[in-house]
Amino acid sequence: MAHDYLIIGAGPAGLQLAASLERDGADYVVLERGSGPGTFFTRFPRHRRLISVNKVHTGYEDPELRLRMDWNSLLSDDPELLFTRYSRRYFPPADDMVRYLADFAARTGVRVRYDTTVERIARDGDDDGGFTVTDHTGNTWRARRLVVATGVSLPHLPSVPGIELAERYDTFDPDPEAFTDQRVLIIGRGNSAFETADSLMETAAVIHVVGSGSLRLAWRSHYVGHLRAVNNNFLDSYQLKSQNAVLDGRVLAIRKDGDGFRVPVAFERVDEVVKDLRYDRVIAATGFRIDVSVFDDTCRPGLVVDDRFPALTPVGESVNVPGLYFAGTLTQGPDFKKATTGFIHGFRYSVRALHRTLRRRHHGEPWPVRELGDATEAAVDAVVSRVNRSSALWQQFGVLGDLLLVGPDGALRYAEELPVRHVPDAVRAGDFGEVDAHAVITLEYGADHDRVDPFDVTAGRTSQQDIRGLDGRYLHPVVRWYRAGAFVAEHHLTENLENEWDSEEIHRAPLRAFLAAHRGPAAPVTP
């Protein structure tokens, strides 16, 4: 007998989905190779400090607003299941996450089979088109729908001759004393690389961090996977000439040289001039990728981003294997290095959207919709209330959006937190009944926001009068109007220091005018 759903992985994404299915009374099971939930966090990050924000004291009583500053909690109706109850540290220890996920699994009653390693996934040959999963004991599990929430479990190593000689971030001994007076090269320029460099500064003689292209800083790009300030002490030591350096270039090879290594590096700043450098240790901290070895040829998913992530539809289903869904950090391919989908504070909402999609597709439950009546003021109230309070739109900026729907009779309805890329298909398919026009409401950073130094007071200087209604560079609400599926116009609500978009003059009145102007027939224009 086949389960309706089989989830592989009891990390944050698997637990988030399982908790929703458990609440539904759904037929599902979770398979987890570890002995408990959140096995990833028993090993990573290697230096045991999370860089996900845990802000306990926000000044807000509203739990929804508090989630804007809580990047670790999963979504739950249980007020005890908040990560902020497990640690007061702004950047908490990874072991606190392990404790939290164990309690989340226990309190929600999710059905997980631990110590169960999946070794093979195959498409069933019968008419229901489901899947057969074989574990390490030879036991088989059948499911109509499969959700993979394993995370990116394999190191993503560059194609460099001799890369096998480097120590890997996922397996090296991080004890700083083992690097005393050594010259160390770290390949990679993400947070894992700089986390490692920062930990070695007190003991290593020389540390070089190497990578191609310009170094991206999270405070400028607004992508939390770029280098975070908590890991950038190393940059001070470089720019203040303290024996450390960031090398802008490509590693051409790694070669043994006595007790150490010779590494030729082609420097991008000086027209690919190659310099042969010697090191005692070389560490590869170059990221991770999906492990597709368990899929046989009947259901091997297509891949994107240098084969690191599965290729997905807007709702998280494999583009080439119907019924195969993904959840969690594996779903960041379409928004790679642009959104928060690869992190708990982003994918917890995407998992909620996936759950709603599954209930609609396979159990006939419509997406939740609120009736607003026919007054434009009700639409203004709904939009302003949501952009001022929603944690989902705040965390999944530009990825999840609300819908304001206009029926043939002019009646207004409101739907929350759809994947923005899925909206055209959902409206066209009639998921919300007859819709003459609709607006998509998101929170977004402005165009080219990452090209401007936010601490440069001369950049983009403008008057308050000039900026009203324009595309601000900081996070702000955007309302895009569509009629018969075609784009018509967009409206930007002016930035606000406290992220409160409720001023009658600056926010509500311009929004009211925009909505009133476009509720009637309008010719589409090119966006």
Protein backbone atom coordinates (compact mmCIF):
# COMPACT_ATOMS: atom_id res chain seq x y z
CA MET A 1 0.00 0.00 0.00
CA ALA A 2 1.35 3.40 -0.97
CA HIS A 3 1.43 6.45 1.29
CA ASP A 4 0.06 9.69 -0.11
CA TYR A 5 3.36 11.40 0.78
CA LEU A 6 6.85 10.25 1.56
CA ILE A 7 9.29 12.90 2.79
CA ILE A 8 13.02 12.22 2.71
CA GLY A 9 14.86 14.22 5.36
CA ALA A 10 13.91 15.37 8.87
CA GLY A 11 15.72 18.68 8.77
CA PRO A 12 13.86 22.01 9.15
CA ALA A 13 12.06 21.77 5.78
CA GLY A 14 11.03 18.14 6.20
CA LEU A 15 9.75 18.81 9.72
CA GLN A 16 7.89 21.94 8.59
CA LEU A 17 6.00 20.03 5.90
CA ALA A 18 5.46 16.96 8.08
CA ALA A 19 3.96 19.09 10.87
CA SER A 20 1.43 20.52 8.43
CA LEU A 21 0.55 17.08 7.10
CA GLU A 22 0.25 15.77 10.65
CA ARG A 23 -2.16 18.57 11.49
CA ASP A 24 -4.22 17.58 8.43
CA GLY A 25 -4.33 13.94 9.48
CA ALA A 26 -2.67 13.11 6.15
CA ASP A 27 -1.15 9.78 5.14
CA TYR A 28 2.60 10.38 5.14
CA VAL A 29 5.92 9.15 6.51
CA VAL A 30 9.35 10.78 6.89
CA LEU A 31 12.59 8.86 6.36
CA GLU A 32 15.71 10.23 8.06
CA ARG A 33 19.16 8.65 7.89
CA GLY A 34 20.30 10.28 11.13
CA SER A 35 19.41 9.15 14.62
CA GLY A 36 17.43 12.35 15.25
CA PRO A 37 16.08 15.44 13.49
CA GLY A 38 18.37 18.17 12.17
CA THR A 39 21.46 15.98 11.74
CA PHE A 40 23.02 18.67 9.52
CA PHE A 41 23.32 21.01 12.50
CA THR A 42 25.25 18.46 14.52
CA ARG A 43 28.15 19.10 12.11
CA PHE A 44 27.56 22.46 10.48
CA PRO A 45 28.62 25.15 10.60
CA ARG A 46 31.97 23.62 11.49
CA HIS A 47 32.81 26.36 13.97
CA ARG A 48 29.43 25.95 15.67
CA ARG A 49 27.98 29.45 15.43
CA LEU A 50 24.89 30.12 13.34
CA ILE A 51 24.71 33.32 11.30
CA SER A 52 20.91 33.32 11.23
CA VAL A 53 19.50 36.19 13.28
CA ASN A 54 17.90 35.36 16.63
CA LYS A 55 16.51 38.66 17.92
CA VAL A 56 14.70 38.04 21.18
CA HIS A 57 13.95 41.66 22.11
CA THR A 58 12.14 43.37 19.23
CA GLY A 59 9.72 45.69 21.03
CA TYR A 60 6.84 43.93 19.24
CA GLU A 61 4.06 41.97 20.93
CA ASP A 62 2.67 40.73 17.60
CA PRO A 63 4.13 37.24 16.96
CA GLU A 64 3.92 37.79 13.20
CA LEU A 65 6.10 40.89 13.38
CA ARG A 66 8.51 39.13 15.72
CA LEU A 67 9.08 36.48 13.03
CA ARG A 68 10.59 39.19 10.83
CA MET A 69 13.55 39.22 13.22
CA ASP A 70 13.52 35.51 14.05
CA TRP A 71 15.33 33.57 11.34
CA ASN A 72 15.36 30.18 13.04
CA SER A 73 11.84 29.30 14.18
CA LEU A 74 9.63 27.00 12.16
CA LEU A 75 5.98 27.95 11.66
CA SER A 76 3.67 26.57 14.29
CA ASP A 77 0.52 27.40 16.24
CA ASP A 78 2.35 26.39 19.43
CA PRO A 79 3.77 29.53 21.13
CA GLU A 80 6.34 27.36 22.90
CA LEU A 81 7.89 26.25 19.60
CA LEU A 82 9.88 29.39 18.99
CA PHE A 83 13.64 29.31 18.69
CA THR A 84 13.86 32.54 20.67
CA ARG A 85 12.98 30.44 23.74
CA TYR A 86 16.09 28.31 23.21
CA SER A 87 18.75 30.99 22.99
CA ARG A 88 19.20 34.68 23.74
CA ARG A 89 22.27 34.97 21.54
CA TYR A 90 21.91 37.06 18.38
CA PHE A 91 24.05 34.48 16.55
CA PRO A 92 23.28 31.32 18.54
CA PRO A 93 25.24 28.08 18.91
CA ALA A 94 24.37 25.37 16.39
CA ASP A 95 23.67 22.93 19.23
CA ASP A 96 20.68 25.06 20.24
CA MET A 97 19.21 24.41 16.80
CA VAL A 98 19.63 20.66 17.31
CA ARG A 99 17.72 20.89 20.61
CA TYR A 100 15.01 23.04 19.06
CA LEU A 101 14.39 20.71 16.12
CA ALA A 102 14.24 17.68 18.42
CA ASP A 103 11.56 19.39 20.52
CA PHE A 104 9.69 20.55 17.42
CA ALA A 105 9.53 16.97 16.15
CA ALA A 106 8.39 15.65 19.52
CA ARG A 107 5.73 18.29 20.22
CA THR A 108 4.20 18.19 16.73
CA GLY A 109 4.13 14.39 16.72
CA VAL A 110 5.55 14.06 13.23
CA ARG A 111 5.98 10.48 12.04
CA VAL A 112 9.69 9.99 11.34
CA ARG A 113 11.61 6.74 10.81
CA TYR A 114 15.13 7.55 12.01
CA ASP A 115 18.30 5.61 11.15
CA THR A 116 16.81 4.91 7.73
CA THR A 117 19.10 5.65 4.79
CA VAL A 118 17.52 5.91 1.36
CA GLU A 119 19.62 4.08 -1.23
CA ARG A 120 17.38 3.97 -4.30
CA ILE A 121 14.40 5.88 -5.67
CA ALA A 122 12.49 4.55 -8.68
CA ARG A 123 9.30 5.43 -10.50
CA ASP A 124 6.59 2.78 -10.14
CA GLY A 125 5.67 0.97 -13.30
CA ASP A 126 1.95 0.79 -12.54
CA ASP A 127 -0.81 3.23 -13.40
CA ASP A 128 -0.70 5.44 -10.30
CA GLY A 129 2.71 6.84 -11.30
CA GLY A 130 4.06 6.81 -7.76
CA PHE A 131 7.51 6.01 -6.40
CA THR A 132 9.27 3.12 -4.73
CA VAL A 133 11.99 3.99 -2.21
CA THR A 134 14.43 1.36 -1.02
CA ASP A 135 16.31 1.86 2.24
CA HIS A 136 19.65 0.45 3.45
CA THR A 137 17.99 -2.67 4.90
CA GLY A 138 16.32 -3.54 1.60
CA ASN A 139 12.92 -2.46 2.89
CA THR A 140 10.74 -0.69 0.31
CA TRP A 141 8.38 2.21 0.76
CA ARG A 142 5.79 3.29 -1.79
CA ALA A 143 4.28 6.74 -2.17
CA ARG A 144 2.07 8.59 -4.63
CA ARG A 145 4.04 11.78 -4.12
CA LEU A 146 7.67 12.13 -3.03
CA VAL A 147 9.13 15.22 -1.31
CA VAL A 148 12.93 15.43 -1.05
CA ALA A 149 14.11 17.66 1.80
CA THR A 150 17.65 16.37 2.26
CA GLY A 151 19.49 19.63 1.74
CA VAL A 152 22.62 19.90 -0.37
CA SER A 153 24.58 17.00 1.05
CA LEU A 154 27.63 16.70 -1.21
CA PRO A 155 30.56 19.13 -1.47
CA HIS A 156 30.66 21.16 -4.68
CA LEU A 157 34.32 20.97 -5.67
CA PRO A 158 35.79 22.97 -8.56
CA SER A 159 37.37 21.22 -11.54
CA VAL A 160 40.95 21.97 -10.55
CA PRO A 161 43.81 19.49 -11.10
CA GLY A 162 44.86 18.22 -7.69
CA ILE A 163 41.69 19.35 -5.88
CA GLU A 164 41.65 15.96 -4.18
CA LEU A 165 44.78 17.04 -2.28
CA ALA A 166 42.87 19.81 -0.52
CA GLU A 167 41.18 19.31 2.81
CA ARG A 168 37.41 19.75 2.59
CA TYR A 169 35.34 22.11 4.71
CA ASP A 170 32.94 19.30 5.57
CA THR A 171 35.64 16.96 6.90
CA PHE A 172 38.73 18.95 7.97
CA ASP A 173 39.76 19.28 11.63
CA PRO A 174 38.81 22.88 12.57
CA ASP A 175 40.99 23.01 15.70
CA PRO A 176 42.93 26.30 15.29
CA GLU A 177 45.93 24.96 17.23
CA ALA A 178 46.59 22.48 14.43
CA PHE A 179 47.34 25.45 12.12
CA THR A 180 49.89 27.20 14.35
CA ASP A 181 52.53 29.11 12.33
CA GLN A 182 51.30 27.61 9.05
CA ARG A 183 50.59 29.23 5.69
CA VAL A 184 46.98 28.41 4.79
CA LEU A 185 45.04 28.78 1.52
CA ILE A 186 41.25 28.66 1.65
CA ILE A 187 39.54 28.16 -1.71
CA GLY A 188 36.12 29.81 -1.81
CA ARG A 189 34.80 33.19 -0.75
CA GLY A 190 31.49 32.42 0.92
CA ASN A 191 30.65 32.44 4.60
CA SER A 192 32.13 29.00 5.22
CA ALA A 193 35.48 30.17 3.83
CA PHE A 194 35.57 33.36 5.87
CA GLU A 195 34.21 31.63 8.96
CA THR A 196 37.19 29.30 8.69
CA ALA A 197 39.65 32.13 8.04
CA ASP A 198 38.34 34.09 10.99
CA SER A 199 38.81 31.11 13.32
CA LEU A 200 42.44 30.65 12.25
CA MET A 201 43.64 34.27 12.49
CA GLU A 202 45.06 33.87 16.00
CA THR A 203 47.17 30.81 15.17
CA ALA A 204 48.01 30.65 11.45
CA ALA A 205 51.00 32.62 10.19
CA VAL A 206 49.48 33.59 6.84
CA ILE A 207 45.96 33.06 5.49
CA HIS A 208 44.91 33.65 1.88
CA VAL A 209 41.29 33.36 0.75
CA VAL A 210 40.97 32.92 -3.01
CA GLY A 211 38.10 33.12 -5.44
CA SER A 212 37.06 34.46 -8.81
CA GLY A 213 35.06 37.63 -9.38
CA SER A 214 34.27 40.51 -7.07
CA LEU A 215 33.60 39.75 -3.41
CA ARG A 216 29.90 40.19 -2.64
CA LEU A 217 28.93 41.62 0.74
CA ALA A 218 25.50 40.85 2.19
CA TRP A 219 24.96 44.35 3.57
CA ARG A 220 25.14 45.65 0.02
CA SER A 221 23.54 42.85 -2.03
CA HIS A 222 20.82 42.05 0.55
CA TYR A 223 21.44 38.36 -0.12
CA VAL A 224 22.15 36.71 3.24
CA GLY A 225 24.32 34.03 1.64
CA HIS A 226 26.92 36.58 0.54
CA LEU A 227 29.64 37.48 3.03
CA ARG A 228 28.06 38.51 6.31
CA ALA A 229 29.53 41.13 8.63
CA VAL A 230 29.80 38.54 11.40
CA ASN A 231 32.39 36.72 9.28
CA ASN A 232 34.28 39.65 7.79
CA ASN A 233 36.85 40.46 10.48
CA PHE A 234 39.29 38.88 8.05
CA LEU A 235 38.78 41.81 5.67
CA ASP A 236 40.11 44.19 8.32
CA SER A 237 43.22 42.10 8.76
CA TYR A 238 43.74 42.15 4.98
CA GLN A 239 43.25 45.86 4.43
CA LEU A 240 45.24 46.76 7.55
CA LYS A 241 48.18 44.66 6.37
CA SER A 242 48.19 41.90 8.98
CA GLN A 243 49.61 38.99 6.93
CA ASN A 244 46.26 37.96 5.49
CA ALA A 245 44.88 38.56 2.00
CA VAL A 246 41.93 38.05 -0.30
CA LEU A 247 43.16 36.87 -3.70
CA ASP A 248 40.98 37.79 -6.69
CA GLY A 249 41.82 34.97 -9.04
CA ARG A 250 41.55 31.37 -10.14
CA VAL A 251 43.39 28.41 -8.69
CA LEU A 252 44.95 26.59 -11.66
CA ALA A 253 46.23 23.51 -9.84
CA ILE A 254 47.27 22.09 -6.48
CA ARG A 255 50.58 20.25 -6.43
CA LYS A 256 52.47 18.51 -3.64
CA ASP A 257 55.71 20.23 -2.66
CA GLY A 258 57.55 18.43 0.12
CA ASP A 259 55.43 18.71 3.25
CA GLY A 260 53.27 21.38 1.66
CA PHE A 261 51.77 22.48 -1.65
CA ARG A 262 52.47 24.69 -4.65
CA VAL A 263 49.40 26.50 -5.97
CA PRO A 264 49.55 28.61 -9.14
CA VAL A 265 46.95 31.39 -9.04
CA ALA A 266 45.87 33.47 -12.05
CA PHE A 267 45.16 36.97 -10.73
CA GLU A 268 42.18 38.70 -12.33
CA ARG A 269 43.17 42.22 -11.27
CA VAL A 270 46.43 42.03 -13.24
CA ASP A 271 45.36 40.43 -16.52
CA GLU A 272 45.64 36.81 -15.43
CA VAL A 273 49.25 37.07 -14.29
CA VAL A 274 50.08 33.73 -12.68
CA LYS A 275 51.90 33.58 -9.38
CA ASP A 276 53.12 30.30 -7.87
CA LEU A 277 52.41 30.34 -4.14
CA ARG A 278 53.43 27.89 -1.43
CA TYR A 279 51.21 26.75 1.46
CA ASP A 280 51.32 24.25 4.29
CA ARG A 281 47.57 23.58 4.13
CA VAL A 282 44.87 24.01 1.47
CA ILE A 283 41.17 23.92 2.41
CA ALA A 284 38.31 23.81 -0.10
CA ALA A 285 35.24 25.69 1.17
CA THR A 286 33.38 25.92 -2.12
CA GLY A 287 29.81 25.05 -1.22
CA PHE A 288 27.54 22.04 -1.62
CA ARG A 289 25.27 20.38 -4.15
CA ILE A 290 22.42 17.87 -4.36
CA ASP A 291 23.15 14.14 -4.31
CA VAL A 292 21.19 12.56 -7.18
CA SER A 293 22.93 9.17 -7.00
CA VAL A 294 19.88 7.62 -5.28
CA PHE A 295 17.59 8.35 -8.25
CA ASP A 296 17.50 5.73 -10.96
CA ASP A 297 16.94 6.56 -14.63
CA THR A 298 13.14 6.43 -14.28
CA CYS A 299 13.01 9.54 -12.12
CA ARG A 300 16.33 11.36 -12.18
CA PRO A 301 15.54 15.09 -11.83
CA GLY A 302 16.95 17.72 -14.14
CA LEU A 303 19.49 20.06 -12.58
CA VAL A 304 20.43 23.75 -12.74
CA VAL A 305 23.16 26.10 -11.45
CA ASP A 306 26.15 23.98 -12.43
CA ASP A 307 24.16 20.85 -11.47
CA ARG A 308 23.93 21.95 -7.85
CA PHE A 309 20.12 22.16 -7.51
CA PRO A 310 17.05 20.51 -9.06
CA ALA A 311 15.22 22.29 -11.88
CA LEU A 312 11.81 23.17 -10.48
CA THR A 313 8.41 24.48 -11.45
CA PRO A 314 7.20 27.57 -9.56
CA VAL A 315 5.56 25.35 -6.90
CA GLY A 316 8.64 23.21 -6.21
CA GLU A 317 7.91 20.20 -8.43
CA SER A 318 10.59 18.68 -10.64
CA VAL A 319 10.26 20.01 -14.19
CA ASN A 320 10.77 16.54 -15.66
CA VAL A 321 9.47 14.13 -12.97
CA PRO A 322 5.78 14.73 -12.12
CA GLY A 323 4.96 14.01 -8.50
CA LEU A 324 8.54 14.59 -7.34
CA TYR A 325 8.69 17.68 -5.13
CA PHE A 326 11.53 19.37 -3.28
CA ALA A 327 11.51 21.42 -0.08
CA GLY A 328 13.98 23.57 1.80
CA THR A 329 17.40 24.69 0.66
CA LEU A 330 17.17 22.46 -2.43
CA THR A 331 14.55 24.83 -3.86
CA GLN A 332 16.84 27.86 -4.20
CA GLY A 333 17.85 27.14 -7.80
CA PRO A 334 15.40 29.58 -9.47
CA ASP A 335 16.36 32.36 -7.04
CA PHE A 336 20.00 31.41 -6.46
CA LYS A 337 21.92 34.21 -4.72
CA LYS A 338 18.93 36.53 -4.99
CA ALA A 339 16.47 35.50 -2.28
CA THR A 340 16.22 33.77 1.09
CA THR A 341 14.82 30.49 -0.26
CA GLY A 342 17.96 28.59 0.75
CA PHE A 343 17.58 29.50 4.43
CA ILE A 344 15.11 28.62 7.19
CA HIS A 345 13.64 32.12 7.42
CA GLY A 346 12.82 31.94 3.71
CA PHE A 347 11.91 28.34 2.98
CA ARG A 348 9.61 27.94 5.99
CA TYR A 349 7.12 30.06 4.03
CA SER A 350 7.82 28.31 0.73
CA VAL A 351 7.09 25.00 2.46
CA ARG A 352 3.78 26.42 3.69
CA ALA A 353 3.00 27.42 0.11
CA LEU A 354 3.96 23.92 -1.07
CA HIS A 355 1.62 22.39 1.53
CA ARG A 356 -1.25 24.56 0.30
CA THR A 357 -0.45 23.58 -3.27
CA LEU A 358 -0.50 19.88 -2.41
CA ARG A 359 -3.82 20.22 -0.60
CA ARG A 360 -5.33 22.04 -3.58
CA ARG A 361 -3.94 19.72 -6.24
CA HIS A 362 -4.54 16.38 -4.59
CA HIS A 363 -7.29 16.94 -2.03
CA GLY A 364 -9.53 19.56 -3.62
CA GLU A 365 -8.91 22.26 -1.01
CA PRO A 366 -8.93 25.78 -2.53
CA TRP A 367 -6.24 28.29 -1.67
CA PRO A 368 -7.47 30.39 1.29
CA VAL A 369 -9.18 33.58 0.07
CA ARG A 370 -10.80 36.47 1.95
CA GLU A 371 -13.82 38.34 0.63
CA LEU A 372 -13.32 42.13 0.74
CA GLY A 373 -16.54 43.41 -0.83
CA ASP A 374 -16.39 45.95 -3.63
CA ALA A 375 -14.99 49.09 -1.97
CA THR A 376 -11.54 50.26 -3.03
CA GLU A 377 -10.90 51.35 0.56
CA ALA A 378 -11.19 47.73 1.70
CA ALA A 379 -8.45 46.82 -0.77
CA VAL A 380 -6.26 49.65 0.52
CA ASP A 381 -6.78 48.43 4.10
CA ALA A 382 -5.92 44.86 3.14
CA VAL A 383 -2.74 45.76 1.28
CA VAL A 384 -1.47 48.19 3.92
CA SER A 385 -2.23 45.77 6.73
CA ARG A 386 -0.36 42.94 5.05
CA VAL A 387 2.77 44.85 4.01
CA ASN A 388 3.02 46.33 7.50
CA ARG A 389 2.68 42.98 9.29
CA SER A 390 3.42 39.96 7.09
CA SER A 391 6.62 38.07 7.90
CA ALA A 392 6.32 35.94 4.74
CA LEU A 393 6.40 38.88 2.31
CA TRP A 394 9.18 40.44 4.41
CA GLN A 395 11.41 37.36 4.43
CA GLN A 396 10.62 36.04 0.94
CA PHE A 397 10.89 39.41 -0.79
CA GLY A 398 10.08 39.17 -4.48
CA VAL A 399 9.46 35.42 -4.24
CA LEU A 400 6.11 35.20 -2.44
CA GLY A 401 3.31 37.66 -3.09
CA ASP A 402 -0.28 38.36 -2.11
CA LEU A 403 -3.08 38.59 -4.70
CA LEU A 404 -5.84 41.16 -4.91
CA LEU A 405 -8.46 39.60 -7.19
CA VAL A 406 -11.20 41.43 -9.08
CA GLY A 407 -14.16 39.34 -10.25
CA PRO A 408 -16.47 40.06 -13.21
CA ASP A 409 -18.93 41.74 -10.82
CA GLY A 410 -16.23 44.00 -9.37
CA ALA A 411 -16.08 42.10 -6.08
CA LEU A 412 -12.65 42.03 -4.43
CA ARG A 413 -10.95 39.02 -2.86
CA TYR A 414 -7.54 38.59 -1.24
CA ALA A 415 -5.21 35.57 -1.29
CA GLU A 416 -1.94 35.39 0.63
CA GLU A 417 1.58 34.13 -0.05
CA LEU A 418 1.60 32.58 -3.51
CA PRO A 419 4.87 31.92 -5.32
CA VAL A 420 5.06 34.94 -7.63
CA ARG A 421 6.21 32.84 -10.58
CA HIS A 422 3.14 30.62 -10.14
CA VAL A 423 0.56 33.42 -10.20
CA PRO A 424 0.03 33.52 -14.01
CA ASP A 425 -0.57 29.76 -14.15
CA ALA A 426 -2.87 29.81 -11.10
CA VAL A 427 -5.03 32.64 -12.47
CA ARG A 428 -5.13 31.17 -15.97
CA ALA A 429 -6.10 27.74 -14.61
CA GLY A 430 -9.03 29.22 -12.72
CA ASP A 431 -7.70 28.36 -9.27
CA PHE A 432 -9.48 31.48 -7.98
CA GLY A 433 -12.56 31.26 -10.15
CA GLU A 434 -13.36 33.99 -12.66
CA VAL A 435 -10.83 36.82 -12.44
CA ASP A 436 -11.04 39.90 -14.66
CA ALA A 437 -8.02 41.62 -13.13
CA HIS A 438 -5.59 41.10 -10.31
CA ALA A 439 -2.75 42.75 -8.49
CA VAL A 440 0.37 41.07 -7.12
CA ILE A 441 1.66 42.60 -3.89
CA THR A 442 5.27 42.02 -2.89
CA LEU A 443 8.02 43.52 -0.81
CA GLU A 444 11.13 44.17 -2.88
CA TYR A 445 14.42 46.01 -3.00
CA GLY A 446 14.69 48.51 -5.82
CA ALA A 447 16.22 47.89 -9.21
CA ASP A 448 20.05 47.87 -9.13
CA HIS A 449 19.96 48.21 -5.34
CA ASP A 450 23.15 46.15 -5.06
CA ARG A 451 25.10 48.59 -7.23
CA VAL A 452 24.89 51.38 -4.68
CA ASP A 453 26.91 51.66 -1.49
CA PRO A 454 24.16 52.12 1.14
CA PHE A 455 26.59 53.99 3.39
CA ASP A 456 27.52 56.55 0.72
CA VAL A 457 25.37 59.59 1.54
CA THR A 458 25.92 61.05 -1.95
CA ALA A 459 24.50 57.99 -3.75
CA GLY A 460 21.01 58.50 -5.12
CA ARG A 461 20.43 61.70 -3.12
CA THR A 462 16.90 62.97 -3.74
CA SER A 463 14.20 64.98 -2.06
CA GLN A 464 11.23 63.43 -0.27
CA GLN A 465 8.96 64.96 -2.89
CA ASP A 466 10.94 63.34 -5.72
CA ILE A 467 11.01 59.88 -4.20
CA ARG A 468 7.28 59.45 -3.62
CA GLY A 469 5.93 56.70 -5.82
CA LEU A 470 9.33 55.91 -7.26
CA ASP A 471 11.36 52.73 -7.07
CA GLY A 472 13.27 53.09 -3.79
CA ARG A 473 16.37 51.01 -3.23
CA TYR A 474 15.50 49.79 0.25
CA LEU A 475 12.83 47.16 0.95
CA HIS A 476 9.39 48.53 0.12
CA PRO A 477 5.98 47.36 -1.15
CA VAL A 478 5.29 47.00 -4.86
CA VAL A 479 1.82 46.54 -6.38
CA ARG A 480 1.64 45.29 -9.98
CA TRP A 481 -1.67 45.34 -11.82
CA TYR A 482 -2.72 42.82 -14.49
CA ARG A 483 -5.83 42.63 -16.63
CA ALA A 484 -6.75 39.45 -18.51
CA GLY A 485 -3.28 38.17 -17.59
CA ALA A 486 -1.45 41.10 -19.19
CA PHE A 487 0.67 43.57 -17.23
CA VAL A 488 -0.86 47.03 -17.00
CA ALA A 489 1.01 49.14 -14.44
CA GLU A 490 2.90 49.09 -11.15
CA HIS A 491 3.00 51.24 -8.05
CA HIS A 492 5.80 51.52 -5.46
CA LEU A 493 5.02 52.58 -1.91
CA THR A 494 7.68 54.97 -0.64
CA GLU A 495 10.38 53.59 1.63
CA ASN A 496 9.97 54.08 5.36
CA LEU A 497 12.66 53.96 8.04
CA GLU A 498 10.49 51.93 10.44
CA ASN A 499 8.93 49.84 7.63
CA GLU A 500 5.49 51.26 8.40
CA TRP A 501 3.68 52.08 5.18
CA ASP A 502 0.51 53.60 6.63
CA SER A 503 0.83 57.34 6.20
CA GLU A 504 -2.36 58.73 4.66
CA GLU A 505 -0.51 61.32 2.58
CA ILE A 506 2.58 59.35 1.54
CA HIS A 507 1.30 55.77 1.32
CA ARG A 508 -2.46 55.27 1.48
CA ALA A 509 -3.62 58.10 -0.79
CA PRO A 510 -1.28 57.22 -3.71
CA LEU A 511 -2.17 53.53 -3.35
CA ARG A 512 -5.89 54.36 -3.29
CA ALA A 513 -5.56 56.41 -6.45
CA PHE A 514 -3.61 53.64 -8.20
CA LEU A 515 -6.14 50.94 -7.34
CA ALA A 516 -9.13 53.12 -8.23
CA ALA A 517 -7.61 54.05 -11.59
CA HIS A 518 -7.04 50.45 -12.63
CA ARG A 519 -10.15 48.68 -11.40
CA GLY A 520 -11.91 49.69 -14.62
CA PRO A 521 -10.98 48.48 -18.15
CA ALA A 522 -7.47 49.37 -19.22
CA ALA A 523 -5.25 48.56 -22.14
CA PRO A 524 -2.14 46.53 -21.23
CA VAL A 525 1.27 48.09 -21.69
CA THR A 526 4.72 46.62 -21.89
CA PRO A 527 6.33 46.43 -18.40
